[in-house]
Amino acid sequence: MAEESRLTIRISPEKREALRDRAKAEGKNTTEILMEFIDQYLGLKQHSSPIEQRVTRLERIVEEKLGELVA
């Protein structure tokens, strides 16, 4: 695995909770969201279109629901 380091930021509790809730709604965690933002900012990853984002979100929801049905 590639070497990684930790980054600490200051954020209000309200923003942290909103970020966590939004990430959860998208089937992600806050680290995944922040890594995507950083990659986009650095030009390492292109922004996906709103349709692509919705398809990805729907795929995660379907996978989650199928997992619940199997369990």
N, C-alpha and C. Protein backbone atom coordinates (compact mmCIF):
# COMPACT_ATOMS: atom_id res chain seq x y z
N MET A 1 0.84 -1.18 0.00
CA MET A 1 0.00 0.00 0.00
C MET A 1 0.89 1.24 0.00
N ALA A 2 0.43 2.26 -0.70
CA ALA A 2 1.19 3.51 -0.77
C ALA A 2 1.22 4.18 0.61
N GLU A 3 2.30 4.89 0.85
CA GLU A 3 2.42 5.61 2.11
C GLU A 3 1.39 6.73 2.13
N GLU A 4 0.76 6.91 3.26
CA GLU A 4 -0.24 7.96 3.41
C GLU A 4 0.07 8.78 4.64
N SER A 5 -0.47 9.98 4.68
CA SER A 5 -0.32 10.81 5.86
C SER A 5 -1.68 11.36 6.25
N ARG A 6 -1.77 11.81 7.46
CA ARG A 6 -3.01 12.34 8.01
C ARG A 6 -3.02 13.85 7.85
N LEU A 7 -4.20 14.40 7.58
CA LEU A 7 -4.38 15.84 7.45
C LEU A 7 -5.47 16.25 8.44
N THR A 8 -5.17 17.22 9.26
CA THR A 8 -6.13 17.70 10.24
C THR A 8 -6.62 19.07 9.80
N ILE A 9 -7.94 19.25 9.81
CA ILE A 9 -8.52 20.54 9.45
C ILE A 9 -9.48 20.98 10.55
N ARG A 10 -9.73 22.27 10.60
CA ARG A 10 -10.71 22.81 11.54
C ARG A 10 -11.99 23.08 10.76
N ILE A 11 -13.11 22.63 11.34
CA ILE A 11 -14.40 22.79 10.70
C ILE A 11 -15.45 22.89 11.80
N SER A 12 -16.47 23.67 11.56
CA SER A 12 -17.51 23.82 12.58
C SER A 12 -18.26 22.49 12.74
N PRO A 13 -18.78 22.24 13.93
CA PRO A 13 -19.54 21.01 14.14
C PRO A 13 -20.72 20.87 13.18
N GLU A 14 -21.35 21.99 12.84
CA GLU A 14 -22.49 21.96 11.92
C GLU A 14 -22.07 21.50 10.53
N LYS A 15 -20.95 22.04 10.05
CA LYS A 15 -20.46 21.63 8.73
C LYS A 15 -20.01 20.18 8.74
N ARG A 16 -19.36 19.77 9.82
CA ARG A 16 -18.91 18.39 9.90
C ARG A 16 -20.09 17.43 9.85
N GLU A 17 -21.14 17.75 10.60
CA GLU A 17 -22.33 16.90 10.61
C GLU A 17 -23.01 16.89 9.24
N ALA A 18 -23.10 18.06 8.60
CA ALA A 18 -23.70 18.13 7.27
C ALA A 18 -22.89 17.33 6.26
N LEU A 19 -21.56 17.40 6.34
CA LEU A 19 -20.70 16.64 5.44
C LEU A 19 -20.90 15.15 5.67
N ARG A 20 -20.90 14.74 6.92
CA ARG A 20 -21.08 13.32 7.25
C ARG A 20 -22.44 12.81 6.74
N ASP A 21 -23.49 13.61 6.95
CA ASP A 21 -24.82 13.20 6.52
C ASP A 21 -24.92 13.10 5.00
N ARG A 22 -24.34 14.09 4.32
CA ARG A 22 -24.40 14.07 2.86
C ARG A 22 -23.60 12.90 2.29
N ALA A 23 -22.43 12.66 2.87
CA ALA A 23 -21.61 11.53 2.42
C ALA A 23 -22.36 10.22 2.63
N LYS A 24 -22.97 10.07 3.79
CA LYS A 24 -23.72 8.85 4.09
C LYS A 24 -24.86 8.66 3.10
N ALA A 25 -25.55 9.75 2.76
CA ALA A 25 -26.64 9.67 1.79
C ALA A 25 -26.16 9.22 0.42
N GLU A 26 -24.89 9.50 0.13
CA GLU A 26 -24.29 9.10 -1.14
C GLU A 26 -23.58 7.75 -1.04
N GLY A 27 -23.65 7.12 0.12
CA GLY A 27 -23.02 5.82 0.30
C GLY A 27 -21.51 5.91 0.43
N LYS A 28 -21.03 7.05 0.91
CA LYS A 28 -19.58 7.26 1.06
C LYS A 28 -19.28 7.66 2.50
N ASN A 29 -17.99 7.78 2.80
CA ASN A 29 -17.60 8.35 4.09
C ASN A 29 -16.92 9.68 3.82
N THR A 30 -16.68 10.44 4.87
CA THR A 30 -16.13 11.78 4.69
C THR A 30 -14.73 11.76 4.06
N THR A 31 -13.95 10.76 4.35
CA THR A 31 -12.62 10.68 3.75
C THR A 31 -12.73 10.54 2.24
N GLU A 32 -13.65 9.69 1.77
CA GLU A 32 -13.82 9.53 0.33
C GLU A 32 -14.22 10.84 -0.33
N ILE A 33 -15.14 11.56 0.30
CA ILE A 33 -15.59 12.84 -0.25
C ILE A 33 -14.43 13.83 -0.33
N LEU A 34 -13.68 13.95 0.76
CA LEU A 34 -12.57 14.90 0.79
C LEU A 34 -11.47 14.52 -0.19
N MET A 35 -11.20 13.23 -0.35
CA MET A 35 -10.20 12.80 -1.31
C MET A 35 -10.64 13.15 -2.73
N GLU A 36 -11.94 13.01 -3.03
CA GLU A 36 -12.46 13.39 -4.34
C GLU A 36 -12.29 14.89 -4.57
N PHE A 37 -12.62 15.69 -3.56
CA PHE A 37 -12.45 17.14 -3.68
C PHE A 37 -11.00 17.49 -3.96
N ILE A 38 -10.08 16.89 -3.23
CA ILE A 38 -8.66 17.18 -3.40
C ILE A 38 -8.20 16.77 -4.80
N ASP A 39 -8.61 15.59 -5.25
CA ASP A 39 -8.24 15.14 -6.59
C ASP A 39 -8.76 16.09 -7.66
N GLN A 40 -10.01 16.54 -7.50
CA GLN A 40 -10.58 17.48 -8.47
C GLN A 40 -9.82 18.81 -8.44
N TYR A 41 -9.52 19.30 -7.26
CA TYR A 41 -8.80 20.56 -7.11
C TYR A 41 -7.43 20.50 -7.77
N LEU A 42 -6.76 19.35 -7.62
CA LEU A 42 -5.43 19.18 -8.19
C LEU A 42 -5.47 18.78 -9.67
N GLY A 43 -6.67 18.60 -10.20
CA GLY A 43 -6.79 18.24 -11.61
C GLY A 43 -6.50 16.77 -11.88
N LEU A 44 -6.56 15.96 -10.83
CA LEU A 44 -6.29 14.53 -10.99
C LEU A 44 -7.54 13.75 -11.38
N LYS A 45 -8.68 14.38 -11.20
CA LYS A 45 -9.95 13.72 -11.51
C LYS A 45 -10.91 14.78 -12.03
N GLN A 46 -11.57 14.46 -13.10
CA GLN A 46 -12.53 15.39 -13.67
C GLN A 46 -13.84 15.33 -12.89
N HIS A 47 -14.54 16.44 -12.87
CA HIS A 47 -15.86 16.48 -12.25
C HIS A 47 -16.78 15.58 -13.06
N SER A 48 -17.59 14.83 -12.37
CA SER A 48 -18.58 14.03 -13.07
C SER A 48 -19.84 14.87 -13.25
N SER A 49 -20.59 14.55 -14.28
CA SER A 49 -21.80 15.31 -14.55
C SER A 49 -22.86 14.96 -13.50
N PRO A 50 -23.86 15.80 -13.36
CA PRO A 50 -24.93 15.50 -12.40
C PRO A 50 -25.60 14.15 -12.68
N ILE A 51 -25.72 13.81 -13.94
CA ILE A 51 -26.33 12.51 -14.28
C ILE A 51 -25.44 11.38 -13.82
N GLU A 52 -24.13 11.50 -14.06
CA GLU A 52 -23.21 10.46 -13.61
C GLU A 52 -23.24 10.34 -12.09
N GLN A 53 -23.33 11.46 -11.39
CA GLN A 53 -23.41 11.43 -9.93
C GLN A 53 -24.68 10.72 -9.48
N ARG A 54 -25.80 11.00 -10.13
CA ARG A 54 -27.06 10.36 -9.76
C ARG A 54 -27.02 8.86 -10.03
N VAL A 55 -26.44 8.46 -11.17
CA VAL A 55 -26.32 7.04 -11.49
C VAL A 55 -25.47 6.34 -10.45
N THR A 56 -24.35 6.94 -10.08
CA THR A 56 -23.48 6.36 -9.05
C THR A 56 -24.23 6.22 -7.73
N ARG A 57 -24.96 7.25 -7.35
CA ARG A 57 -25.71 7.21 -6.10
C ARG A 57 -26.78 6.12 -6.16
N LEU A 58 -27.47 6.00 -7.29
CA LEU A 58 -28.50 4.96 -7.44
C LEU A 58 -27.88 3.56 -7.40
N GLU A 59 -26.71 3.41 -8.00
CA GLU A 59 -26.02 2.12 -7.95
C GLU A 59 -25.72 1.72 -6.51
N ARG A 60 -25.26 2.67 -5.72
CA ARG A 60 -24.96 2.38 -4.31
C ARG A 60 -26.22 2.00 -3.54
N ILE A 61 -27.31 2.72 -3.82
CA ILE A 61 -28.58 2.42 -3.14
C ILE A 61 -29.06 1.02 -3.50
N VAL A 62 -28.99 0.68 -4.77
CA VAL A 62 -29.41 -0.65 -5.21
C VAL A 62 -28.55 -1.72 -4.56
N GLU A 63 -27.24 -1.53 -4.54
CA GLU A 63 -26.35 -2.49 -3.90
C GLU A 63 -26.68 -2.64 -2.43
N GLU A 64 -26.96 -1.53 -1.76
CA GLU A 64 -27.30 -1.56 -0.33
C GLU A 64 -28.60 -2.33 -0.10
N LYS A 65 -29.60 -2.04 -0.91
CA LYS A 65 -30.90 -2.71 -0.76
C LYS A 65 -30.80 -4.20 -1.07
N LEU A 66 -30.02 -4.55 -2.08
CA LEU A 66 -29.82 -5.97 -2.40
C LEU A 66 -29.12 -6.68 -1.25
N GLY A 67 -28.16 -5.99 -0.65
CA GLY A 67 -27.47 -6.56 0.51
C GLY A 67 -28.42 -6.79 1.66
N GLU A 68 -29.36 -5.87 1.87
CA GLU A 68 -30.36 -6.03 2.94
C GLU A 68 -31.27 -7.21 2.65
N LEU A 69 -31.63 -7.41 1.40
CA LEU A 69 -32.50 -8.52 1.03
C LEU A 69 -31.83 -9.87 1.25
N VAL A 70 -30.52 -9.93 0.99
CA VAL A 70 -29.77 -11.17 1.14
C VAL A 70 -29.56 -11.50 2.62
N ALA A 71 -29.39 -10.48 3.44
CA ALA A 71 -29.09 -10.67 4.85
C ALA A 71 -30.26 -11.21 5.63
